[in-house]
Amino acid sequence: MESFGKIGFMIALAFVVPTIALVLSRILQPRFSSASKSQTYECGIKPYGSAWVQFNIRY
């Protein structure tokens, strides 16, 4: 019966530790993002032109 207790403890620990990690990451995440963070590329160069370009796909 003692081995079942150890297994039950390990299973409970396997659920509790990731749950705590997920909750802490949700609490500690940044709340506000800037407009530059929502752009496609964060390299500092302003995007120009359209991304909708038709490519000729041939081999």
PDB file of N, CA and C in Angstrom:
ATOM      1  N   MET A   1       0.822  -1.191   0.000  1.00  0.00           N
ATOM      2  CA  MET A   1       0.000   0.000   0.000  1.00  0.00           C
ATOM      3  C   MET A   1       0.865   1.254   0.000  1.00  0.00           C
ATOM      4  N   GLU A   2       2.053   1.137   0.584  1.00  0.00           N
ATOM      5  CA  GLU A   2       2.946   2.280   0.654  1.00  0.00           C
ATOM      6  C   GLU A   2       3.422   2.696  -0.743  1.00  0.00           C
ATOM      7  N   SER A   3       3.626   1.728  -1.634  1.00  0.00           N
ATOM      8  CA  SER A   3       4.087   2.058  -2.986  1.00  0.00           C
ATOM      9  C   SER A   3       2.998   2.792  -3.772  1.00  0.00           C
ATOM     10  N   PHE A   4       1.726   2.476  -3.500  1.00  0.00           N
ATOM     11  CA  PHE A   4       0.643   3.198  -4.169  1.00  0.00           C
ATOM     12  C   PHE A   4       0.598   4.657  -3.734  1.00  0.00           C
ATOM     13  N   GLY A   5       0.917   4.903  -2.491  1.00  0.00           N
ATOM     14  CA  GLY A   5       0.972   6.277  -1.993  1.00  0.00           C
ATOM     15  C   GLY A   5       2.063   7.078  -2.686  1.00  0.00           C
ATOM     16  N   LYS A   6       3.212   6.444  -2.897  1.00  0.00           N
ATOM     17  CA  LYS A   6       4.310   7.113  -3.596  1.00  0.00           C
ATOM     18  C   LYS A   6       3.946   7.400  -5.050  1.00  0.00           C
ATOM     19  N   ILE A   7       3.297   6.442  -5.684  1.00  0.00           N
ATOM     20  CA  ILE A   7       2.878   6.633  -7.077  1.00  0.00           C
ATOM     21  C   ILE A   7       1.823   7.730  -7.164  1.00  0.00           C
ATOM     22  N   GLY A   8       0.875   7.714  -6.238  1.00  0.00           N
ATOM     23  CA  GLY A   8      -0.151   8.760  -6.217  1.00  0.00           C
ATOM     24  C   GLY A   8       0.449  10.135  -5.989  1.00  0.00           C
ATOM     25  N   PHE A   9       1.452  10.202  -5.111  1.00  0.00           N
ATOM     26  CA  PHE A   9       2.130  11.472  -4.860  1.00  0.00           C
ATOM     27  C   PHE A   9       2.844  11.957  -6.116  1.00  0.00           C
ATOM     28  N   MET A  10       3.507  11.070  -6.824  1.00  0.00           N
ATOM     29  CA  MET A  10       4.220  11.454  -8.048  1.00  0.00           C
ATOM     30  C   MET A  10       3.246  11.898  -9.145  1.00  0.00           C
ATOM     31  N   ILE A  11       2.104  11.239  -9.256  1.00  0.00           N
ATOM     32  CA  ILE A  11       1.098  11.639 -10.243  1.00  0.00           C
ATOM     33  C   ILE A  11       0.527  13.005  -9.893  1.00  0.00           C
ATOM     34  N   ALA A  12       0.241  13.214  -8.619  1.00  0.00           N
ATOM     35  CA  ALA A  12      -0.266  14.522  -8.189  1.00  0.00           C
ATOM     36  C   ALA A  12       0.775  15.603  -8.433  1.00  0.00           C
ATOM     37  N   LEU A  13       2.023  15.305  -8.160  1.00  0.00           N
ATOM     38  CA  LEU A  13       3.109  16.258  -8.394  1.00  0.00           C
ATOM     39  C   LEU A  13       3.260  16.558  -9.884  1.00  0.00           C
ATOM     40  N   ALA A  14       3.036  15.549 -10.723  1.00  0.00           N
ATOM     41  CA  ALA A  14       3.124  15.737 -12.174  1.00  0.00           C
ATOM     42  C   ALA A  14       2.030  16.668 -12.686  1.00  0.00           C
ATOM     43  N   PHE A  15       0.932  16.781 -11.989  1.00  0.00           N
ATOM     44  CA  PHE A  15      -0.126  17.710 -12.382  1.00  0.00           C
ATOM     45  C   PHE A  15       0.024  19.073 -11.718  1.00  0.00           C
ATOM     46  N   VAL A  16       0.508  19.099 -10.502  1.00  0.00           N
ATOM     47  CA  VAL A  16       0.589  20.348  -9.740  1.00  0.00           C
ATOM     48  C   VAL A  16       1.712  21.252 -10.244  1.00  0.00           C
ATOM     49  N   VAL A  17       2.884  20.701 -10.500  1.00  0.00           N
ATOM     50  CA  VAL A  17       4.033  21.524 -10.907  1.00  0.00           C
ATOM     51  C   VAL A  17       3.778  22.245 -12.234  1.00  0.00           C
ATOM     52  N   PRO A  18       3.317  21.570 -13.300  1.00  0.00           N
ATOM     53  CA  PRO A  18       3.026  22.317 -14.532  1.00  0.00           C
ATOM     54  C   PRO A  18       1.895  23.327 -14.365  1.00  0.00           C
ATOM     55  N   THR A  19       0.913  23.003 -13.532  1.00  0.00           N
ATOM     56  CA  THR A  19      -0.180  23.943 -13.294  1.00  0.00           C
ATOM     57  C   THR A  19       0.336  25.206 -12.621  1.00  0.00           C
ATOM     58  N   ILE A  20       1.209  25.050 -11.648  1.00  0.00           N
ATOM     59  CA  ILE A  20       1.800  26.216 -10.985  1.00  0.00           C
ATOM     60  C   ILE A  20       2.623  27.026 -11.976  1.00  0.00           C
ATOM     61  N   ALA A  21       3.384  26.354 -12.836  1.00  0.00           N
ATOM     62  CA  ALA A  21       4.197  27.054 -13.830  1.00  0.00           C
ATOM     63  C   ALA A  21       3.319  27.843 -14.799  1.00  0.00           C
ATOM     64  N   LEU A  22       2.215  27.263 -15.240  1.00  0.00           N
ATOM     65  CA  LEU A  22       1.313  27.960 -16.159  1.00  0.00           C
ATOM     66  C   LEU A  22       0.640  29.149 -15.493  1.00  0.00           C
ATOM     67  N   VAL A  23       0.223  28.980 -14.258  1.00  0.00           N
ATOM     68  CA  VAL A  23      -0.429  30.077 -13.540  1.00  0.00           C
ATOM     69  C   VAL A  23       0.556  31.214 -13.291  1.00  0.00           C
ATOM     70  N   LEU A  24       1.775  30.890 -12.882  1.00  0.00           N
ATOM     71  CA  LEU A  24       2.776  31.929 -12.652  1.00  0.00           C
ATOM     72  C   LEU A  24       3.142  32.661 -13.938  1.00  0.00           C
ATOM     73  N   SER A  25       3.248  31.943 -15.044  1.00  0.00           N
ATOM     74  CA  SER A  25       3.563  32.613 -16.306  1.00  0.00           C
ATOM     75  C   SER A  25       2.423  33.522 -16.740  1.00  0.00           C
ATOM     76  N   ARG A  26       1.198  33.143 -16.442  1.00  0.00           N
ATOM     77  CA  ARG A  26       0.048  33.992 -16.766  1.00  0.00           C
ATOM     78  C   ARG A  26       0.041  35.250 -15.895  1.00  0.00           C
ATOM     79  N   ILE A  27       0.397  35.107 -14.638  1.00  0.00           N
ATOM     80  CA  ILE A  27       0.411  36.249 -13.718  1.00  0.00           C
ATOM     81  C   ILE A  27       1.564  37.203 -14.040  1.00  0.00           C
ATOM     82  N   LEU A  28       2.724  36.670 -14.373  1.00  0.00           N
ATOM     83  CA  LEU A  28       3.922  37.484 -14.557  1.00  0.00           C
ATOM     84  C   LEU A  28       4.132  37.983 -15.984  1.00  0.00           C
ATOM     85  N   GLN A  29       3.236  37.654 -16.892  1.00  0.00           N
ATOM     86  CA  GLN A  29       3.418  38.083 -18.285  1.00  0.00           C
ATOM     87  C   GLN A  29       3.241  39.589 -18.419  1.00  0.00           C
ATOM     88  N   PRO A  30       3.860  40.193 -19.432  1.00  0.00           N
ATOM     89  CA  PRO A  30       3.653  41.623 -19.658  1.00  0.00           C
ATOM     90  C   PRO A  30       2.199  41.897 -20.047  1.00  0.00           C
ATOM     91  N   ARG A  31       1.641  42.940 -19.512  1.00  0.00           N
ATOM     92  CA  ARG A  31       0.224  43.236 -19.739  1.00  0.00           C
ATOM     93  C   ARG A  31      -0.025  43.996 -21.039  1.00  0.00           C
ATOM     94  N   PHE A  32       0.864  44.916 -21.372  1.00  0.00           N
ATOM     95  CA  PHE A  32       0.637  45.773 -22.528  1.00  0.00           C
ATOM     96  C   PHE A  32       1.746  45.552 -23.550  1.00  0.00           C
ATOM     97  N   SER A  33       1.364  45.447 -24.797  1.00  0.00           N
ATOM     98  CA  SER A  33       2.368  45.330 -25.848  1.00  0.00           C
ATOM     99  C   SER A  33       2.357  46.600 -26.686  1.00  0.00           C
ATOM    100  N   SER A  34       3.501  46.933 -27.221  1.00  0.00           N
ATOM    101  CA  SER A  34       3.602  48.141 -28.026  1.00  0.00           C
ATOM    102  C   SER A  34       3.213  47.838 -29.472  1.00  0.00           C
ATOM    103  N   ALA A  35       3.004  48.887 -30.247  1.00  0.00           N
ATOM    104  CA  ALA A  35       2.624  48.709 -31.648  1.00  0.00           C
ATOM    105  C   ALA A  35       3.759  48.073 -32.437  1.00  0.00           C
ATOM    106  N   SER A  36       4.997  48.376 -32.066  1.00  0.00           N
ATOM    107  CA  SER A  36       6.126  47.800 -32.792  1.00  0.00           C
ATOM    108  C   SER A  36       6.259  46.302 -32.528  1.00  0.00           C
ATOM    109  N   LYS A  37       5.793  45.846 -31.391  1.00  0.00           N
ATOM    110  CA  LYS A  37       5.855  44.420 -31.091  1.00  0.00           C
ATOM    111  C   LYS A  37       4.856  43.615 -31.910  1.00  0.00           C
ATOM    112  N   SER A  38       3.785  44.240 -32.366  1.00  0.00           N
ATOM    113  CA  SER A  38       2.788  43.512 -33.139  1.00  0.00           C
ATOM    114  C   SER A  38       3.082  43.526 -34.628  1.00  0.00           C
ATOM    115  N   GLN A  39       4.157  44.192 -35.043  1.00  0.00           N
ATOM    116  CA  GLN A  39       4.547  44.167 -36.446  1.00  0.00           C
ATOM    117  C   GLN A  39       5.175  42.822 -36.778  1.00  0.00           C
ATOM    118  N   THR A  40       5.243  42.530 -38.069  1.00  0.00           N
ATOM    119  CA  THR A  40       5.779  41.249 -38.497  1.00  0.00           C
ATOM    120  C   THR A  40       7.250  41.110 -38.145  1.00  0.00           C
ATOM    121  N   TYR A  41       8.025  42.141 -38.444  1.00  0.00           N
ATOM    122  CA  TYR A  41       9.459  42.107 -38.166  1.00  0.00           C
ATOM    123  C   TYR A  41       9.796  43.198 -37.165  1.00  0.00           C
ATOM    124  N   GLU A  42      10.583  42.860 -36.178  1.00  0.00           N
ATOM    125  CA  GLU A  42      10.951  43.813 -35.142  1.00  0.00           C
ATOM    126  C   GLU A  42      12.375  44.321 -35.343  1.00  0.00           C
ATOM    127  N   CYS A  43      12.839  44.433 -36.589  1.00  0.00           N
ATOM    128  CA  CYS A  43      14.226  44.805 -36.835  1.00  0.00           C
ATOM    129  C   CYS A  43      14.446  46.309 -36.784  1.00  0.00           C
ATOM    130  N   GLY A  44      13.395  47.094 -36.717  1.00  0.00           N
ATOM    131  CA  GLY A  44      13.536  48.541 -36.652  1.00  0.00           C
ATOM    132  C   GLY A  44      13.360  49.219 -37.992  1.00  0.00           C
ATOM    133  N   ILE A  45      13.320  48.454 -39.066  1.00  0.00           N
ATOM    134  CA  ILE A  45      13.120  49.020 -40.401  1.00  0.00           C
ATOM    135  C   ILE A  45      11.627  49.044 -40.686  1.00  0.00           C
ATOM    136  N   LYS A  46      11.135  50.191 -41.126  1.00  0.00           N
ATOM    137  CA  LYS A  46       9.713  50.321 -41.444  1.00  0.00           C
ATOM    138  C   LYS A  46       9.380  49.448 -42.657  1.00  0.00           C
ATOM    139  N   PRO A  47       8.300  48.680 -42.593  1.00  0.00           N
ATOM    140  CA  PRO A  47       7.910  47.879 -43.751  1.00  0.00           C
ATOM    141  C   PRO A  47       7.419  48.768 -44.884  1.00  0.00           C
ATOM    142  N   TYR A  48       7.695  48.355 -46.091  1.00  0.00           N
ATOM    143  CA  TYR A  48       7.239  49.109 -47.257  1.00  0.00           C
ATOM    144  C   TYR A  48       6.645  48.131 -48.266  1.00  0.00           C
ATOM    145  N   GLY A  49       5.720  48.617 -49.064  1.00  0.00           N
ATOM    146  CA  GLY A  49       5.078  47.778 -50.064  1.00  0.00           C
ATOM    147  C   GLY A  49       4.066  46.827 -49.445  1.00  0.00           C
ATOM    148  N   SER A  50       3.557  45.979 -50.279  1.00  0.00           N
ATOM    149  CA  SER A  50       2.558  45.011 -49.843  1.00  0.00           C
ATOM    150  C   SER A  50       3.180  43.627 -49.753  1.00  0.00           C
ATOM    151  N   ALA A  51       2.715  42.854 -48.836  1.00  0.00           N
ATOM    152  CA  ALA A  51       3.204  41.485 -48.698  1.00  0.00           C
ATOM    153  C   ALA A  51       2.476  40.543 -49.646  1.00  0.00           C
ATOM    154  N   TRP A  52       1.431  41.024 -50.275  1.00  0.00           N
ATOM    155  CA  TRP A  52       0.647  40.196 -51.178  1.00  0.00           C
ATOM    156  C   TRP A  52       1.252  40.261 -52.569  1.00  0.00           C
ATOM    157  N   VAL A  53       2.222  39.403 -52.820  1.00  0.00           N
ATOM    158  CA  VAL A  53       2.902  39.342 -54.108  1.00  0.00           C
ATOM    159  C   VAL A  53       2.653  37.963 -54.682  1.00  0.00           C
ATOM    160  N   GLN A  54       2.308  37.921 -55.966  1.00  0.00           N
ATOM    161  CA  GLN A  54       2.037  36.646 -56.606  1.00  0.00           C
ATOM    162  C   GLN A  54       3.345  36.091 -57.168  1.00  0.00           C
ATOM    163  N   PHE A  55       3.690  34.882 -56.777  1.00  0.00           N
ATOM    164  CA  PHE A  55       4.916  34.248 -57.231  1.00  0.00           C
ATOM    165  C   PHE A  55       4.593  33.256 -58.335  1.00  0.00           C
ATOM    166  N   ASN A  56       5.492  33.166 -59.307  1.00  0.00           N
ATOM    167  CA  ASN A  56       5.367  32.185 -60.366  1.00  0.00           C
ATOM    168  C   ASN A  56       6.065  30.915 -59.887  1.00  0.00           C
ATOM    169  N   ILE A  57       5.291  29.890 -59.582  1.00  0.00           N
ATOM    170  CA  ILE A  57       5.850  28.668 -59.005  1.00  0.00           C
ATOM    171  C   ILE A  57       6.093  27.662 -60.120  1.00  0.00           C
ATOM    172  N   ARG A  58       7.352  27.523 -60.498  1.00  0.00           N
ATOM    173  CA  ARG A  58       7.770  26.538 -61.496  1.00  0.00           C
ATOM    174  C   ARG A  58       9.107  25.952 -61.072  1.00  0.00           C
ATOM    175  N   TYR A  59       9.354  24.759 -61.544  1.00  0.00           N
ATOM    176  CA  TYR A  59      10.644  24.129 -61.268  1.00  0.00           C
ATOM    177  C   TYR A  59      11.429  24.047 -62.546  1.00  0.00           C
TER     178      TYR A  59
END
